[in-house]
Amino acid sequence: MGSRWTIFDVVALATLISFSAFRFEVGTDYAVYALNYAQIQPEFWDYYLERSALDWGYTQLTIALRTLSDFPYLIFWVTSAITIVPVYLAIKKQSLNPALALILYVLLAFYLAPMNAIRQGMAVGLNFWASTFLEKRPWVFVALNIVASTLHLSAALAAVVQVVVKKWKPRTGGVLVALFTSLTFVLMMAFPPVRQFLASIIPRYELYLVPDAVGVGTYLALIFKLGILLYILHLLRNRPAEHIAMVAVGLVFLVVGTQYMVVARMEMYFGIFIVLALPNALAQTRAVTDRGKSLHVAAVVALAVAYFVAYLGNYAGLIPYKTYL
């Protein structure tokens, strides 16, 4: 697997990075990171490194960039590249239909989400690329996830989960059991005695045990992505296949995340595998004739466009798009 690079890849990658990097006051995180970058004085690097509320790796990156240049938008060029390039490399390496994978990356909002979660977006990109090395070059997988964890600590948990589930090849029954188990956990956590018991075991994380329900958008995303996974399983005639386990685990995080917002954000590390799983399933399926595959692709893209429009309309800070030019 893996396809040769062409001029299209260079143009597509440059366009994706530029669109993200040129933005001005777009995304809920923008002001925080712009102000943080402007305030850094590299000659006092030890002061900022010690007192920064942001992850160590991101703080080091900011200090290094400020040492090189005081261009106020450099931080967004670099973070955009770190977010997007690893994803593109993973798609080129493992997708049987890179063009469709790239379309889904944009339309299913995996490209947009990092504009509202900059550090985690970089961590997701590096973790996604790292997954392509898990089987044959595990030391690269570990190294990339160490780097990702310095940008956002959640990458360490994602990497551990990916190692645990890499041998799981779920079918429809396995997916439904996993979702039922996660739903049972959510229902149990609704009882104060259960939360109090867990808080007594891990008091440091008591705050995270308090329900923090998300909006209707998370429920719709859960239903939409469950439909995608069941569709993939149908295309493959319910055969186990690569990447399906990651998507299924993402759904588990979403189920729990409907009541605990911090858990919902973990789904980013796993839901992104849809951009590999769905195009590959369409390329490999025997449930659809070669002539019919183009109709399935068209239907998938149409549904993805609808998802994209709904996402833009409900995710604060992304529109209207403005540049600093």
C-alpha atoms as a PDB file:
ATOM      1  CA  MET A   1       0.000   0.000   0.000  1.00  0.00           C
ATOM      2  CA  GLY A   2       1.122   3.562  -0.504  1.00  0.00           C
ATOM      3  CA  SER A   3       0.982   5.747  -3.566  1.00  0.00           C
ATOM      4  CA  ARG A   4       3.512   7.835  -5.452  1.00  0.00           C
ATOM      5  CA  TRP A   5       3.613  11.562  -4.736  1.00  0.00           C
ATOM      6  CA  THR A   6       2.498  13.908  -7.521  1.00  0.00           C
ATOM      7  CA  ILE A   7       2.191  17.647  -8.028  1.00  0.00           C
ATOM      8  CA  PHE A   8      -1.418  17.298  -6.835  1.00  0.00           C
ATOM      9  CA  ASP A   9      -0.150  16.195  -3.421  1.00  0.00           C
ATOM     10  CA  VAL A  10       2.160  19.193  -3.141  1.00  0.00           C
ATOM     11  CA  VAL A  11      -0.628  21.607  -4.112  1.00  0.00           C
ATOM     12  CA  ALA A  12      -3.200  19.950  -1.846  1.00  0.00           C
ATOM     13  CA  LEU A  13      -0.869  19.913   1.141  1.00  0.00           C
ATOM     14  CA  ALA A  14       0.191  23.528   0.603  1.00  0.00           C
ATOM     15  CA  THR A  15      -3.449  24.595   0.288  1.00  0.00           C
ATOM     16  CA  LEU A  16      -4.532  22.856   3.479  1.00  0.00           C
ATOM     17  CA  ILE A  17      -1.654  24.293   5.489  1.00  0.00           C
ATOM     18  CA  SER A  18      -2.080  27.783   4.056  1.00  0.00           C
ATOM     19  CA  PHE A  19      -5.835  27.923   4.641  1.00  0.00           C
ATOM     20  CA  SER A  20      -5.284  27.057   8.287  1.00  0.00           C
ATOM     21  CA  ALA A  21      -2.211  29.250   8.795  1.00  0.00           C
ATOM     22  CA  PHE A  22      -3.605  32.373   7.120  1.00  0.00           C
ATOM     23  CA  ARG A  23      -6.636  32.483   9.409  1.00  0.00           C
ATOM     24  CA  PHE A  24      -7.104  35.454  11.699  1.00  0.00           C
ATOM     25  CA  GLU A  25      -9.260  35.282  14.827  1.00  0.00           C
ATOM     26  CA  VAL A  26     -10.792  32.070  13.511  1.00  0.00           C
ATOM     27  CA  GLY A  27     -11.317  29.334  16.078  1.00  0.00           C
ATOM     28  CA  THR A  28     -11.984  29.586  19.797  1.00  0.00           C
ATOM     29  CA  ASP A  29      -8.315  28.891  20.594  1.00  0.00           C
ATOM     30  CA  TYR A  30      -6.905  31.577  18.318  1.00  0.00           C
ATOM     31  CA  ALA A  31      -6.747  34.507  20.744  1.00  0.00           C
ATOM     32  CA  VAL A  32      -5.202  32.400  23.518  1.00  0.00           C
ATOM     33  CA  TYR A  33      -2.328  31.151  21.385  1.00  0.00           C
ATOM     34  CA  ALA A  34      -1.761  34.436  19.594  1.00  0.00           C
ATOM     35  CA  LEU A  35      -1.500  36.270  22.921  1.00  0.00           C
ATOM     36  CA  ASN A  36       0.719  33.577  24.412  1.00  0.00           C
ATOM     37  CA  TYR A  37       3.098  33.814  21.447  1.00  0.00           C
ATOM     38  CA  ALA A  38       3.191  37.621  21.587  1.00  0.00           C
ATOM     39  CA  GLN A  39       3.983  37.659  25.305  1.00  0.00           C
ATOM     40  CA  ILE A  40       6.917  35.251  25.157  1.00  0.00           C
ATOM     41  CA  GLN A  41      10.315  36.898  25.596  1.00  0.00           C
ATOM     42  CA  PRO A  42      12.828  34.235  24.540  1.00  0.00           C
ATOM     43  CA  GLU A  43      15.674  35.673  26.626  1.00  0.00           C
ATOM     44  CA  PHE A  44      13.661  34.698  29.706  1.00  0.00           C
ATOM     45  CA  TRP A  45      12.908  31.217  28.400  1.00  0.00           C
ATOM     46  CA  ASP A  46      13.456  29.515  31.754  1.00  0.00           C
ATOM     47  CA  TYR A  47      10.839  31.758  33.383  1.00  0.00           C
ATOM     48  CA  TYR A  48       8.189  30.924  30.776  1.00  0.00           C
ATOM     49  CA  LEU A  49       9.062  27.239  30.696  1.00  0.00           C
ATOM     50  CA  GLU A  50       8.652  26.960  34.449  1.00  0.00           C
ATOM     51  CA  ARG A  51       5.390  28.936  34.704  1.00  0.00           C
ATOM     52  CA  SER A  52       3.586  28.034  31.505  1.00  0.00           C
ATOM     53  CA  ALA A  53       0.157  26.471  31.957  1.00  0.00           C
ATOM     54  CA  LEU A  54       0.522  24.813  28.546  1.00  0.00           C
ATOM     55  CA  ASP A  55       2.235  21.499  27.852  1.00  0.00           C
ATOM     56  CA  TRP A  56       6.022  21.405  28.022  1.00  0.00           C
ATOM     57  CA  GLY A  57       6.551  20.544  24.365  1.00  0.00           C
ATOM     58  CA  TYR A  58       4.282  23.289  23.108  1.00  0.00           C
ATOM     59  CA  THR A  59       5.964  25.844  25.378  1.00  0.00           C
ATOM     60  CA  GLN A  60       9.390  24.765  24.104  1.00  0.00           C
ATOM     61  CA  LEU A  61       8.151  25.065  20.522  1.00  0.00           C
ATOM     62  CA  THR A  62       6.820  28.571  21.164  1.00  0.00           C
ATOM     63  CA  ILE A  63      10.049  29.731  22.774  1.00  0.00           C
ATOM     64  CA  ALA A  64      12.111  28.296  19.909  1.00  0.00           C
ATOM     65  CA  LEU A  65       9.978  30.031  17.280  1.00  0.00           C
ATOM     66  CA  ARG A  66      10.075  33.357  19.123  1.00  0.00           C
ATOM     67  CA  THR A  67      13.867  33.025  19.256  1.00  0.00           C
ATOM     68  CA  LEU A  68      13.918  32.669  15.470  1.00  0.00           C
ATOM     69  CA  SER A  69      11.369  35.349  14.603  1.00  0.00           C
ATOM     70  CA  ASP A  70       8.895  37.822  16.060  1.00  0.00           C
ATOM     71  CA  PHE A  71       6.533  37.340  13.089  1.00  0.00           C
ATOM     72  CA  PRO A  72       3.231  37.093  15.010  1.00  0.00           C
ATOM     73  CA  TYR A  73       1.659  34.449  12.779  1.00  0.00           C
ATOM     74  CA  LEU A  74       4.608  32.049  12.592  1.00  0.00           C
ATOM     75  CA  ILE A  75       3.143  29.948  15.389  1.00  0.00           C
ATOM     76  CA  PHE A  76       0.043  29.228  13.283  1.00  0.00           C
ATOM     77  CA  TRP A  77       2.094  28.235  10.236  1.00  0.00           C
ATOM     78  CA  VAL A  78       4.128  25.784  12.275  1.00  0.00           C
ATOM     79  CA  THR A  79       1.231  24.329  14.261  1.00  0.00           C
ATOM     80  CA  SER A  80      -0.792  23.933  11.056  1.00  0.00           C
ATOM     81  CA  ALA A  81       2.076  22.054   9.411  1.00  0.00           C
ATOM     82  CA  ILE A  82       2.593  19.795  12.428  1.00  0.00           C
ATOM     83  CA  THR A  83      -1.145  19.042  12.447  1.00  0.00           C
ATOM     84  CA  ILE A  84      -1.715  18.420   8.741  1.00  0.00           C
ATOM     85  CA  VAL A  85       1.515  16.947   7.320  1.00  0.00           C
ATOM     86  CA  PRO A  86       1.470  13.786   9.504  1.00  0.00           C
ATOM     87  CA  VAL A  87      -2.161  13.120   8.554  1.00  0.00           C
ATOM     88  CA  TYR A  88      -1.327  13.511   4.866  1.00  0.00           C
ATOM     89  CA  LEU A  89       1.630  11.146   5.215  1.00  0.00           C
ATOM     90  CA  ALA A  90      -0.577   8.529   6.876  1.00  0.00           C
ATOM     91  CA  ILE A  91      -3.184   8.824   4.120  1.00  0.00           C
ATOM     92  CA  LYS A  92      -0.549   8.483   1.390  1.00  0.00           C
ATOM     93  CA  LYS A  93       0.910   5.464   3.139  1.00  0.00           C
ATOM     94  CA  GLN A  94      -2.204   3.461   3.980  1.00  0.00           C
ATOM     95  CA  SER A  95      -5.131   4.625   1.861  1.00  0.00           C
ATOM     96  CA  LEU A  96      -6.299   2.729  -1.209  1.00  0.00           C
ATOM     97  CA  ASN A  97      -8.070   5.892  -2.361  1.00  0.00           C
ATOM     98  CA  PRO A  98      -6.102   8.919  -1.118  1.00  0.00           C
ATOM     99  CA  ALA A  99      -8.333  11.434  -2.919  1.00  0.00           C
ATOM    100  CA  LEU A 100     -11.486  10.201  -1.172  1.00  0.00           C
ATOM    101  CA  ALA A 101      -9.603   9.933   2.131  1.00  0.00           C
ATOM    102  CA  LEU A 102      -8.540  13.571   1.821  1.00  0.00           C
ATOM    103  CA  ILE A 103     -12.098  14.659   0.982  1.00  0.00           C
ATOM    104  CA  LEU A 104     -13.398  12.872   4.085  1.00  0.00           C
ATOM    105  CA  TYR A 105     -10.612  14.380   6.195  1.00  0.00           C
ATOM    106  CA  VAL A 106     -11.957  17.821   5.301  1.00  0.00           C
ATOM    107  CA  LEU A 107     -15.708  17.169   5.117  1.00  0.00           C
ATOM    108  CA  LEU A 108     -15.918  15.110   8.320  1.00  0.00           C
ATOM    109  CA  ALA A 109     -14.253  18.054  10.090  1.00  0.00           C
ATOM    110  CA  PHE A 110     -11.064  16.322  11.178  1.00  0.00           C
ATOM    111  CA  TYR A 111      -9.323  19.183   9.368  1.00  0.00           C
ATOM    112  CA  LEU A 112     -11.441  21.872  11.039  1.00  0.00           C
ATOM    113  CA  ALA A 113     -11.478  20.585  14.620  1.00  0.00           C
ATOM    114  CA  PRO A 114      -7.819  21.474  15.371  1.00  0.00           C
ATOM    115  CA  MET A 115      -8.623  25.142  14.757  1.00  0.00           C
ATOM    116  CA  ASN A 116     -10.513  24.952  18.046  1.00  0.00           C
ATOM    117  CA  ALA A 117      -8.061  22.570  19.712  1.00  0.00           C
ATOM    118  CA  ILE A 118      -4.606  23.518  18.471  1.00  0.00           C
ATOM    119  CA  ARG A 119      -2.370  21.497  20.789  1.00  0.00           C
ATOM    120  CA  GLN A 120      -4.564  18.420  20.696  1.00  0.00           C
ATOM    121  CA  GLY A 121      -4.850  18.761  16.930  1.00  0.00           C
ATOM    122  CA  MET A 122      -1.074  18.467  16.600  1.00  0.00           C
ATOM    123  CA  ALA A 123      -1.057  15.499  18.967  1.00  0.00           C
ATOM    124  CA  VAL A 124      -3.812  13.767  16.966  1.00  0.00           C
ATOM    125  CA  GLY A 125      -1.917  14.271  13.706  1.00  0.00           C
ATOM    126  CA  LEU A 126       1.313  12.811  15.092  1.00  0.00           C
ATOM    127  CA  ASN A 127      -0.521   9.940  16.783  1.00  0.00           C
ATOM    128  CA  PHE A 128      -2.374   9.126  13.538  1.00  0.00           C
ATOM    129  CA  TRP A 129       0.877   8.997  11.584  1.00  0.00           C
ATOM    130  CA  ALA A 130       2.522   6.992  14.357  1.00  0.00           C
ATOM    131  CA  SER A 131      -0.173   4.316  14.029  1.00  0.00           C
ATOM    132  CA  THR A 132       1.171   3.444  10.572  1.00  0.00           C
ATOM    133  CA  PHE A 133       4.385   2.253  12.238  1.00  0.00           C
ATOM    134  CA  LEU A 134       2.776   0.245  15.040  1.00  0.00           C
ATOM    135  CA  GLU A 135       3.132  -3.186  13.448  1.00  0.00           C
ATOM    136  CA  LYS A 136       6.535  -3.080  11.725  1.00  0.00           C
ATOM    137  CA  ARG A 137       8.449  -0.240  13.423  1.00  0.00           C
ATOM    138  CA  PRO A 138       7.049   0.065  16.948  1.00  0.00           C
ATOM    139  CA  TRP A 139       9.968   2.205  18.107  1.00  0.00           C
ATOM    140  CA  VAL A 140       8.851   4.926  15.659  1.00  0.00           C
ATOM    141  CA  PHE A 141       5.310   4.594  17.018  1.00  0.00           C
ATOM    142  CA  VAL A 142       6.631   5.137  20.548  1.00  0.00           C
ATOM    143  CA  ALA A 143       8.916   8.026  19.576  1.00  0.00           C
ATOM    144  CA  LEU A 144       6.217   9.942  17.698  1.00  0.00           C
ATOM    145  CA  ASN A 145       3.741   9.483  20.533  1.00  0.00           C
ATOM    146  CA  ILE A 146       6.277  10.725  23.069  1.00  0.00           C
ATOM    147  CA  VAL A 147       6.585  13.905  21.003  1.00  0.00           C
ATOM    148  CA  ALA A 148       2.791  14.112  20.682  1.00  0.00           C
ATOM    149  CA  SER A 149       2.395  13.699  24.451  1.00  0.00           C
ATOM    150  CA  THR A 150       4.611  16.713  25.100  1.00  0.00           C
ATOM    151  CA  LEU A 151       2.152  18.747  23.029  1.00  0.00           C
ATOM    152  CA  HIS A 152      -0.976  17.289  24.648  1.00  0.00           C
ATOM    153  CA  LEU A 153      -0.784  14.617  27.339  1.00  0.00           C
ATOM    154  CA  SER A 154      -3.915  12.882  26.079  1.00  0.00           C
ATOM    155  CA  ALA A 155      -1.822  11.392  23.252  1.00  0.00           C
ATOM    156  CA  ALA A 156      -0.170   9.042  25.757  1.00  0.00           C
ATOM    157  CA  LEU A 157      -3.538   7.545  26.712  1.00  0.00           C
ATOM    158  CA  ALA A 158      -4.555   7.269  23.068  1.00  0.00           C
ATOM    159  CA  ALA A 159      -1.328   5.415  22.230  1.00  0.00           C
ATOM    160  CA  VAL A 160      -1.821   2.939  25.079  1.00  0.00           C
ATOM    161  CA  VAL A 161      -5.403   2.232  23.999  1.00  0.00           C
ATOM    162  CA  GLN A 162      -4.274   1.736  20.391  1.00  0.00           C
ATOM    163  CA  VAL A 163      -1.677  -0.824  21.456  1.00  0.00           C
ATOM    164  CA  VAL A 164      -4.287  -2.692  23.519  1.00  0.00           C
ATOM    165  CA  VAL A 165      -6.913  -2.842  20.749  1.00  0.00           C
ATOM    166  CA  LYS A 166      -4.647  -3.398  17.735  1.00  0.00           C
ATOM    167  CA  LYS A 167      -5.501  -7.115  17.681  1.00  0.00           C
ATOM    168  CA  TRP A 168      -9.252  -6.524  18.053  1.00  0.00           C
ATOM    169  CA  LYS A 169     -11.079  -7.089  14.778  1.00  0.00           C
ATOM    170  CA  PRO A 170     -14.679  -6.275  15.700  1.00  0.00           C
ATOM    171  CA  ARG A 171     -17.713  -7.336  13.756  1.00  0.00           C
ATOM    172  CA  THR A 172     -21.167  -5.804  14.169  1.00  0.00           C
ATOM    173  CA  GLY A 173     -21.854  -7.812  17.325  1.00  0.00           C
ATOM    174  CA  GLY A 174     -18.584  -6.712  18.916  1.00  0.00           C
ATOM    175  CA  VAL A 175     -19.275  -3.063  18.134  1.00  0.00           C
ATOM    176  CA  LEU A 176     -22.752  -3.238  19.673  1.00  0.00           C
ATOM    177  CA  VAL A 177     -21.423  -4.983  22.796  1.00  0.00           C
ATOM    178  CA  ALA A 178     -18.760  -2.296  23.220  1.00  0.00           C
ATOM    179  CA  LEU A 179     -21.360   0.460  22.880  1.00  0.00           C
ATOM    180  CA  PHE A 180     -23.734  -1.271  25.303  1.00  0.00           C
ATOM    181  CA  THR A 181     -20.913  -1.644  27.838  1.00  0.00           C
ATOM    182  CA  SER A 182     -20.007   2.028  27.583  1.00  0.00           C
ATOM    183  CA  LEU A 183     -23.675   3.023  27.909  1.00  0.00           C
ATOM    184  CA  THR A 184     -23.940   0.857  31.038  1.00  0.00           C
ATOM    185  CA  PHE A 185     -20.930   2.672  32.480  1.00  0.00           C
ATOM    186  CA  VAL A 186     -22.577   6.039  31.809  1.00  0.00           C
ATOM    187  CA  LEU A 187     -25.793   4.915  33.506  1.00  0.00           C
ATOM    188  CA  MET A 188     -23.884   3.603  36.542  1.00  0.00           C
ATOM    189  CA  MET A 189     -21.996   6.892  36.847  1.00  0.00           C
ATOM    190  CA  ALA A 190     -25.326   8.699  37.094  1.00  0.00           C
ATOM    191  CA  PHE A 191     -25.667   7.373  40.662  1.00  0.00           C
ATOM    192  CA  PRO A 192     -23.848   9.559  43.237  1.00  0.00           C
ATOM    193  CA  PRO A 193     -22.718   6.574  45.385  1.00  0.00           C
ATOM    194  CA  VAL A 194     -20.798   5.147  42.417  1.00  0.00           C
ATOM    195  CA  ARG A 195     -19.084   8.484  41.743  1.00  0.00           C
ATOM    196  CA  GLN A 196     -18.261   8.899  45.419  1.00  0.00           C
ATOM    197  CA  PHE A 197     -16.705   5.437  45.535  1.00  0.00           C
ATOM    198  CA  LEU A 198     -14.525   6.133  42.486  1.00  0.00           C
ATOM    199  CA  ALA A 199     -13.586   9.555  43.856  1.00  0.00           C
ATOM    200  CA  SER A 200     -12.372   7.903  47.072  1.00  0.00           C
ATOM    201  CA  ILE A 201     -10.051   5.712  44.974  1.00  0.00           C
ATOM    202  CA  ILE A 202      -8.744   8.464  42.681  1.00  0.00           C
ATOM    203  CA  PRO A 203      -9.409  11.739  44.555  1.00  0.00           C
ATOM    204  CA  ARG A 204      -7.095  13.723  42.282  1.00  0.00           C
ATOM    205  CA  TYR A 205      -9.515  13.242  39.394  1.00  0.00           C
ATOM    206  CA  GLU A 206     -12.741  13.744  41.324  1.00  0.00           C
ATOM    207  CA  LEU A 207     -13.554  16.799  39.191  1.00  0.00           C
ATOM    208  CA  TYR A 208     -13.645  14.649  36.050  1.00  0.00           C
ATOM    209  CA  LEU A 209     -16.240  12.342  37.616  1.00  0.00           C
ATOM    210  CA  VAL A 210     -18.835  15.103  37.747  1.00  0.00           C
ATOM    211  CA  PRO A 211     -21.232  14.799  34.777  1.00  0.00           C
ATOM    212  CA  ASP A 212     -20.726  17.531  32.196  1.00  0.00           C
ATOM    213  CA  ALA A 213     -23.231  16.824  29.451  1.00  0.00           C
ATOM    214  CA  VAL A 214     -22.481  17.970  25.919  1.00  0.00           C
ATOM    215  CA  GLY A 215     -24.854  19.425  23.352  1.00  0.00           C
ATOM    216  CA  VAL A 216     -27.004  17.667  20.802  1.00  0.00           C
ATOM    217  CA  GLY A 217     -24.163  17.856  18.252  1.00  0.00           C
ATOM    218  CA  THR A 218     -22.234  15.098  20.023  1.00  0.00           C
ATOM    219  CA  TYR A 219     -25.262  12.792  19.887  1.00  0.00           C
ATOM    220  CA  LEU A 220     -25.679  13.479  16.180  1.00  0.00           C
ATOM    221  CA  ALA A 221     -21.968  12.838  15.571  1.00  0.00           C
ATOM    222  CA  LEU A 222     -22.285   9.563  17.481  1.00  0.00           C
ATOM    223  CA  ILE A 223     -25.239   8.412  15.376  1.00  0.00           C
ATOM    224  CA  PHE A 224     -23.567   9.530  12.137  1.00  0.00           C
ATOM    225  CA  LYS A 225     -20.267   7.770  12.872  1.00  0.00           C
ATOM    226  CA  LEU A 226     -22.020   4.629  14.103  1.00  0.00           C
ATOM    227  CA  GLY A 227     -23.832   4.568  10.775  1.00  0.00           C
ATOM    228  CA  ILE A 228     -20.503   4.888   8.955  1.00  0.00           C
ATOM    229  CA  LEU A 229     -18.991   1.990  10.909  1.00  0.00           C
ATOM    230  CA  LEU A 230     -21.995  -0.274  10.294  1.00  0.00           C
ATOM    231  CA  TYR A 231     -21.845   0.677   6.613  1.00  0.00           C
ATOM    232  CA  ILE A 232     -18.159  -0.282   6.489  1.00  0.00           C
ATOM    233  CA  LEU A 233     -18.920  -3.634   8.112  1.00  0.00           C
ATOM    234  CA  HIS A 234     -21.678  -4.191   5.549  1.00  0.00           C
ATOM    235  CA  LEU A 235     -19.342  -3.390   2.670  1.00  0.00           C
ATOM    236  CA  LEU A 236     -16.829  -5.893   3.979  1.00  0.00           C
ATOM    237  CA  ARG A 237     -19.592  -8.464   4.620  1.00  0.00           C
ATOM    238  CA  ASN A 238     -18.933  -8.122   8.356  1.00  0.00           C
ATOM    239  CA  ARG A 239     -15.347  -9.329   7.958  1.00  0.00           C
ATOM    240  CA  PRO A 240     -12.760  -7.990  10.423  1.00  0.00           C
ATOM    241  CA  ALA A 241     -10.498  -5.394   8.856  1.00  0.00           C
ATOM    242  CA  GLU A 242      -7.781  -2.898   9.681  1.00  0.00           C
ATOM    243  CA  HIS A 243      -8.767   0.426  11.297  1.00  0.00           C
ATOM    244  CA  ILE A 244     -12.296  -0.699  12.256  1.00  0.00           C
ATOM    245  CA  ALA A 245     -11.303  -1.232  15.893  1.00  0.00           C
ATOM    246  CA  MET A 246     -10.019   2.343  16.154  1.00  0.00           C
ATOM    247  CA  VAL A 247     -13.287   3.757  14.825  1.00  0.00           C
ATOM    248  CA  ALA A 248     -15.259   1.537  17.229  1.00  0.00           C
ATOM    249  CA  VAL A 249     -13.204   2.713  20.199  1.00  0.00           C
ATOM    250  CA  GLY A 250     -13.851   6.289  19.118  1.00  0.00           C
ATOM    251  CA  LEU A 251     -17.584   5.582  19.361  1.00  0.00           C
ATOM    252  CA  VAL A 252     -17.091   4.268  22.886  1.00  0.00           C
ATOM    253  CA  PHE A 253     -15.398   7.532  23.851  1.00  0.00           C
ATOM    254  CA  LEU A 254     -18.290   9.434  22.267  1.00  0.00           C
ATOM    255  CA  VAL A 255     -20.899   7.463  24.222  1.00  0.00           C
ATOM    256  CA  VAL A 256     -19.170   8.210  27.518  1.00  0.00           C
ATOM    257  CA  GLY A 257     -18.419  11.723  26.263  1.00  0.00           C
ATOM    258  CA  THR A 258     -22.112  12.563  25.959  1.00  0.00           C
ATOM    259  CA  GLN A 259     -22.019  12.978  29.735  1.00  0.00           C
ATOM    260  CA  TYR A 260     -18.328  13.813  30.278  1.00  0.00           C
ATOM    261  CA  MET A 261     -17.051  16.440  27.846  1.00  0.00           C
ATOM    262  CA  VAL A 262     -13.369  15.767  28.565  1.00  0.00           C
ATOM    263  CA  VAL A 263     -13.863  12.152  27.403  1.00  0.00           C
ATOM    264  CA  ALA A 264     -15.570  13.219  24.182  1.00  0.00           C
ATOM    265  CA  ARG A 265     -12.394  15.001  23.055  1.00  0.00           C
ATOM    266  CA  MET A 266     -10.511  11.684  23.141  1.00  0.00           C
ATOM    267  CA  GLU A 267     -12.643  10.562  20.202  1.00  0.00           C
ATOM    268  CA  MET A 268     -10.512  12.731  17.902  1.00  0.00           C
ATOM    269  CA  TYR A 269      -7.659  10.208  18.147  1.00  0.00           C
ATOM    270  CA  PHE A 270      -9.851   7.351  16.934  1.00  0.00           C
ATOM    271  CA  GLY A 271     -12.595   8.845  14.790  1.00  0.00           C
ATOM    272  CA  ILE A 272      -9.997  10.110  12.324  1.00  0.00           C
ATOM    273  CA  PHE A 273      -9.360   6.502  11.262  1.00  0.00           C
ATOM    274  CA  ILE A 274     -12.628   6.746   9.309  1.00  0.00           C
ATOM    275  CA  VAL A 275     -10.647   8.525   6.569  1.00  0.00           C
ATOM    276  CA  LEU A 276      -8.685   5.296   6.047  1.00  0.00           C
ATOM    277  CA  ALA A 277     -11.325   2.695   6.891  1.00  0.00           C
ATOM    278  CA  LEU A 278     -14.143   3.948   4.653  1.00  0.00           C
ATOM    279  CA  PRO A 279     -12.228   4.502   1.371  1.00  0.00           C
ATOM    280  CA  ASN A 280     -10.371   1.217   1.860  1.00  0.00           C
ATOM    281  CA  ALA A 281     -13.655  -0.633   2.467  1.00  0.00           C
ATOM    282  CA  LEU A 282     -15.135   0.832  -0.711  1.00  0.00           C
ATOM    283  CA  ALA A 283     -12.030  -0.208  -2.654  1.00  0.00           C
ATOM    284  CA  GLN A 284     -12.036  -3.764  -1.265  1.00  0.00           C
ATOM    285  CA  THR A 285     -15.762  -4.546  -1.060  1.00  0.00           C
ATOM    286  CA  ARG A 286     -17.342  -7.431  -2.872  1.00  0.00           C
ATOM    287  CA  ALA A 287     -20.827  -6.381  -1.798  1.00  0.00           C
ATOM    288  CA  VAL A 288     -20.946  -3.730  -4.528  1.00  0.00           C
ATOM    289  CA  THR A 289     -20.178  -4.091  -8.205  1.00  0.00           C
ATOM    290  CA  ASP A 290     -17.398  -2.037  -9.709  1.00  0.00           C
ATOM    291  CA  ARG A 291     -20.021  -0.014 -11.577  1.00  0.00           C
ATOM    292  CA  GLY A 292     -21.960   0.613  -8.392  1.00  0.00           C
ATOM    293  CA  LYS A 293     -18.956   1.788  -6.394  1.00  0.00           C
ATOM    294  CA  SER A 294     -19.030   5.220  -8.001  1.00  0.00           C
ATOM    295  CA  LEU A 295     -22.630   5.646  -6.811  1.00  0.00           C
ATOM    296  CA  HIS A 296     -21.629   4.656  -3.295  1.00  0.00           C
ATOM    297  CA  VAL A 297     -18.744   7.128  -3.367  1.00  0.00           C
ATOM    298  CA  ALA A 298     -21.080   9.882  -4.555  1.00  0.00           C
ATOM    299  CA  ALA A 299     -23.555   9.076  -1.760  1.00  0.00           C
ATOM    300  CA  VAL A 300     -20.788   9.067   0.843  1.00  0.00           C
ATOM    301  CA  VAL A 301     -19.499  12.451  -0.327  1.00  0.00           C
ATOM    302  CA  ALA A 302     -23.030  13.910  -0.337  1.00  0.00           C
ATOM    303  CA  LEU A 303     -23.624  12.786   3.258  1.00  0.00           C
ATOM    304  CA  ALA A 304     -20.203  14.107   4.246  1.00  0.00           C
ATOM    305  CA  VAL A 305     -21.075  17.504   2.743  1.00  0.00           C
ATOM    306  CA  ALA A 306     -24.256  17.584   4.849  1.00  0.00           C
ATOM    307  CA  TYR A 307     -22.210  16.741   7.941  1.00  0.00           C
ATOM    308  CA  PHE A 308     -19.710  19.479   7.070  1.00  0.00           C
ATOM    309  CA  VAL A 309     -22.432  22.105   6.740  1.00  0.00           C
ATOM    310  CA  ALA A 310     -24.014  21.075  10.044  1.00  0.00           C
ATOM    311  CA  TYR A 311     -20.627  21.119  11.749  1.00  0.00           C
ATOM    312  CA  LEU A 312     -19.787  24.613  10.499  1.00  0.00           C
ATOM    313  CA  GLY A 313     -23.127  25.926  11.648  1.00  0.00           C
ATOM    314  CA  ASN A 314     -22.731  24.605  15.184  1.00  0.00           C
ATOM    315  CA  TYR A 315     -19.013  24.788  15.970  1.00  0.00           C
ATOM    316  CA  ALA A 316     -18.288  28.266  17.330  1.00  0.00           C
ATOM    317  CA  GLY A 317     -15.513  30.483  16.047  1.00  0.00           C
ATOM    318  CA  LEU A 318     -14.935  29.014  12.590  1.00  0.00           C
ATOM    319  CA  ILE A 319     -17.073  31.335  10.513  1.00  0.00           C
ATOM    320  CA  PRO A 320     -16.757  33.871   9.082  1.00  0.00           C
ATOM    321  CA  TYR A 321     -13.297  32.939   7.851  1.00  0.00           C
ATOM    322  CA  LYS A 322     -10.836  35.859   7.875  1.00  0.00           C
ATOM    323  CA  THR A 323      -7.146  36.139   7.060  1.00  0.00           C
ATOM    324  CA  TYR A 324      -4.435  38.444   8.369  1.00  0.00           C
ATOM    325  CA  LEU A 325      -3.532  39.574   4.832  1.00  0.00           C
END
